[in-house]
């Protein structure tokens, strides 16, 4: 799966959890949790949604790797086969 496909999936799942989120509004290095005022449950739900959609295991301890678009994509690329 390409980085662009992963970005689209990441954005879709995030928007499902927090409909007010529009990733085009922020830089890839901005903290999405702070920028969009997401709580820890939102991030947990994002982990679960990505787990289900991509059929990958994301340990709870790795939640911090999903706090910017860049780090999320860098992380997801390592877990999802092309």
C-alpha atoms as a PDB file:
ATOM      1  CA  UNK A   1       0.000   0.000   0.000  1.00  0.00           C
ATOM      2  CA  UNK A   2       1.393   3.395  -0.916  1.00  0.00           C
ATOM      3  CA  UNK A   3       1.999   6.242   1.504  1.00  0.00           C
ATOM      4  CA  UNK A   4      -0.715   8.260  -0.272  1.00  0.00           C
ATOM      5  CA  UNK A   5      -3.238   5.424   0.169  1.00  0.00           C
ATOM      6  CA  UNK A   6      -2.327   5.173   3.852  1.00  0.00           C
ATOM      7  CA  UNK A   7      -2.761   8.932   4.228  1.00  0.00           C
ATOM      8  CA  UNK A   8      -6.239   8.720   2.699  1.00  0.00           C
ATOM      9  CA  UNK A   9      -7.214   5.850   5.020  1.00  0.00           C
ATOM     10  CA  UNK A  10      -5.748   7.633   8.051  1.00  0.00           C
ATOM     11  CA  UNK A  11      -7.733  10.774   7.195  1.00  0.00           C
ATOM     12  CA  UNK A  12     -10.960   8.824   6.581  1.00  0.00           C
ATOM     13  CA  UNK A  13     -10.735   6.967   9.888  1.00  0.00           C
ATOM     14  CA  UNK A  14      -9.828  10.098  11.798  1.00  0.00           C
ATOM     15  CA  UNK A  15     -12.744  11.980  10.247  1.00  0.00           C
ATOM     16  CA  UNK A  16     -15.083   9.125  11.231  1.00  0.00           C
ATOM     17  CA  UNK A  17     -13.997   9.502  14.856  1.00  0.00           C
ATOM     18  CA  UNK A  18     -13.893  13.307  14.823  1.00  0.00           C
ATOM     19  CA  UNK A  19     -15.971  14.656  11.924  1.00  0.00           C
ATOM     20  CA  UNK A  20     -14.700  18.202  12.446  1.00  0.00           C
ATOM     21  CA  UNK A  21     -11.153  17.117  11.581  1.00  0.00           C
ATOM     22  CA  UNK A  22      -9.791  18.204   8.220  1.00  0.00           C
ATOM     23  CA  UNK A  23      -6.176  17.137   7.793  1.00  0.00           C
ATOM     24  CA  UNK A  24      -5.720  19.528   4.898  1.00  0.00           C
ATOM     25  CA  UNK A  25      -5.859  22.357   7.473  1.00  0.00           C
ATOM     26  CA  UNK A  26      -2.615  21.386   9.206  1.00  0.00           C
ATOM     27  CA  UNK A  27       1.014  20.679   8.431  1.00  0.00           C
ATOM     28  CA  UNK A  28       2.103  17.040   8.480  1.00  0.00           C
ATOM     29  CA  UNK A  29       4.220  17.766  11.567  1.00  0.00           C
ATOM     30  CA  UNK A  30       1.443  19.390  13.634  1.00  0.00           C
ATOM     31  CA  UNK A  31       0.146  17.393  16.578  1.00  0.00           C
ATOM     32  CA  UNK A  32      -3.369  16.293  15.573  1.00  0.00           C
ATOM     33  CA  UNK A  33      -4.404  15.645  19.174  1.00  0.00           C
ATOM     34  CA  UNK A  34      -3.586  19.192  20.224  1.00  0.00           C
ATOM     35  CA  UNK A  35      -4.661  20.924  17.013  1.00  0.00           C
ATOM     36  CA  UNK A  36      -8.091  19.292  16.905  1.00  0.00           C
ATOM     37  CA  UNK A  37      -8.498  18.914  20.686  1.00  0.00           C
ATOM     38  CA  UNK A  38      -8.797  15.118  20.552  1.00  0.00           C
ATOM     39  CA  UNK A  39      -8.858  13.224  23.820  1.00  0.00           C
ATOM     40  CA  UNK A  40      -7.174   9.922  24.624  1.00  0.00           C
ATOM     41  CA  UNK A  41     -10.361   8.014  23.793  1.00  0.00           C
ATOM     42  CA  UNK A  42     -10.367   9.541  20.308  1.00  0.00           C
ATOM     43  CA  UNK A  43      -6.792   8.338  19.795  1.00  0.00           C
ATOM     44  CA  UNK A  44      -7.671   4.879  21.149  1.00  0.00           C
ATOM     45  CA  UNK A  45     -10.623   4.729  18.741  1.00  0.00           C
ATOM     46  CA  UNK A  46      -8.308   5.730  15.899  1.00  0.00           C
ATOM     47  CA  UNK A  47      -5.951   2.886  16.818  1.00  0.00           C
ATOM     48  CA  UNK A  48      -8.857   0.441  16.821  1.00  0.00           C
ATOM     49  CA  UNK A  49     -10.204   1.733  13.504  1.00  0.00           C
ATOM     50  CA  UNK A  50      -6.807   1.478  11.804  1.00  0.00           C
ATOM     51  CA  UNK A  51      -6.319  -1.995  13.287  1.00  0.00           C
ATOM     52  CA  UNK A  52      -9.621  -3.140  11.834  1.00  0.00           C
ATOM     53  CA  UNK A  53      -9.319  -1.394   8.473  1.00  0.00           C
ATOM     54  CA  UNK A  54      -5.703  -2.314   7.751  1.00  0.00           C
ATOM     55  CA  UNK A  55      -5.696  -5.656   9.602  1.00  0.00           C
ATOM     56  CA  UNK A  56      -2.587  -4.738  11.588  1.00  0.00           C
ATOM     57  CA  UNK A  57      -1.669  -4.808  15.253  1.00  0.00           C
ATOM     58  CA  UNK A  58      -0.935  -1.433  16.811  1.00  0.00           C
ATOM     59  CA  UNK A  59       0.052  -1.736  20.470  1.00  0.00           C
ATOM     60  CA  UNK A  60      -1.467   0.894  22.773  1.00  0.00           C
ATOM     61  CA  UNK A  61       2.091   1.951  23.631  1.00  0.00           C
ATOM     62  CA  UNK A  62       2.544   3.067  20.025  1.00  0.00           C
ATOM     63  CA  UNK A  63      -0.282   5.621  20.153  1.00  0.00           C
ATOM     64  CA  UNK A  64       2.280   8.423  20.349  1.00  0.00           C
ATOM     65  CA  UNK A  65       3.486   7.427  16.889  1.00  0.00           C
ATOM     66  CA  UNK A  66       0.114   8.499  15.478  1.00  0.00           C
ATOM     67  CA  UNK A  67       0.063  12.050  16.800  1.00  0.00           C
ATOM     68  CA  UNK A  68       1.220  13.746  13.613  1.00  0.00           C
ATOM     69  CA  UNK A  69       0.376  12.829  10.047  1.00  0.00           C
ATOM     70  CA  UNK A  70       4.063  12.372   9.256  1.00  0.00           C
ATOM     71  CA  UNK A  71       4.860  10.072  12.180  1.00  0.00           C
ATOM     72  CA  UNK A  72       1.640   8.129  11.622  1.00  0.00           C
ATOM     73  CA  UNK A  73       2.460   7.498   7.987  1.00  0.00           C
ATOM     74  CA  UNK A  74       6.099   6.678   8.770  1.00  0.00           C
ATOM     75  CA  UNK A  75       4.847   4.133  11.312  1.00  0.00           C
ATOM     76  CA  UNK A  76       2.045   2.653   9.205  1.00  0.00           C
ATOM     77  CA  UNK A  77       4.333   2.150   6.216  1.00  0.00           C
ATOM     78  CA  UNK A  78       6.405  -0.228   8.357  1.00  0.00           C
ATOM     79  CA  UNK A  79       3.345  -2.308   9.271  1.00  0.00           C
ATOM     80  CA  UNK A  80       1.386  -2.488   6.037  1.00  0.00           C
ATOM     81  CA  UNK A  81       2.770  -4.499   3.132  1.00  0.00           C
ATOM     82  CA  UNK A  82       2.877  -2.826  -0.268  1.00  0.00           C
END
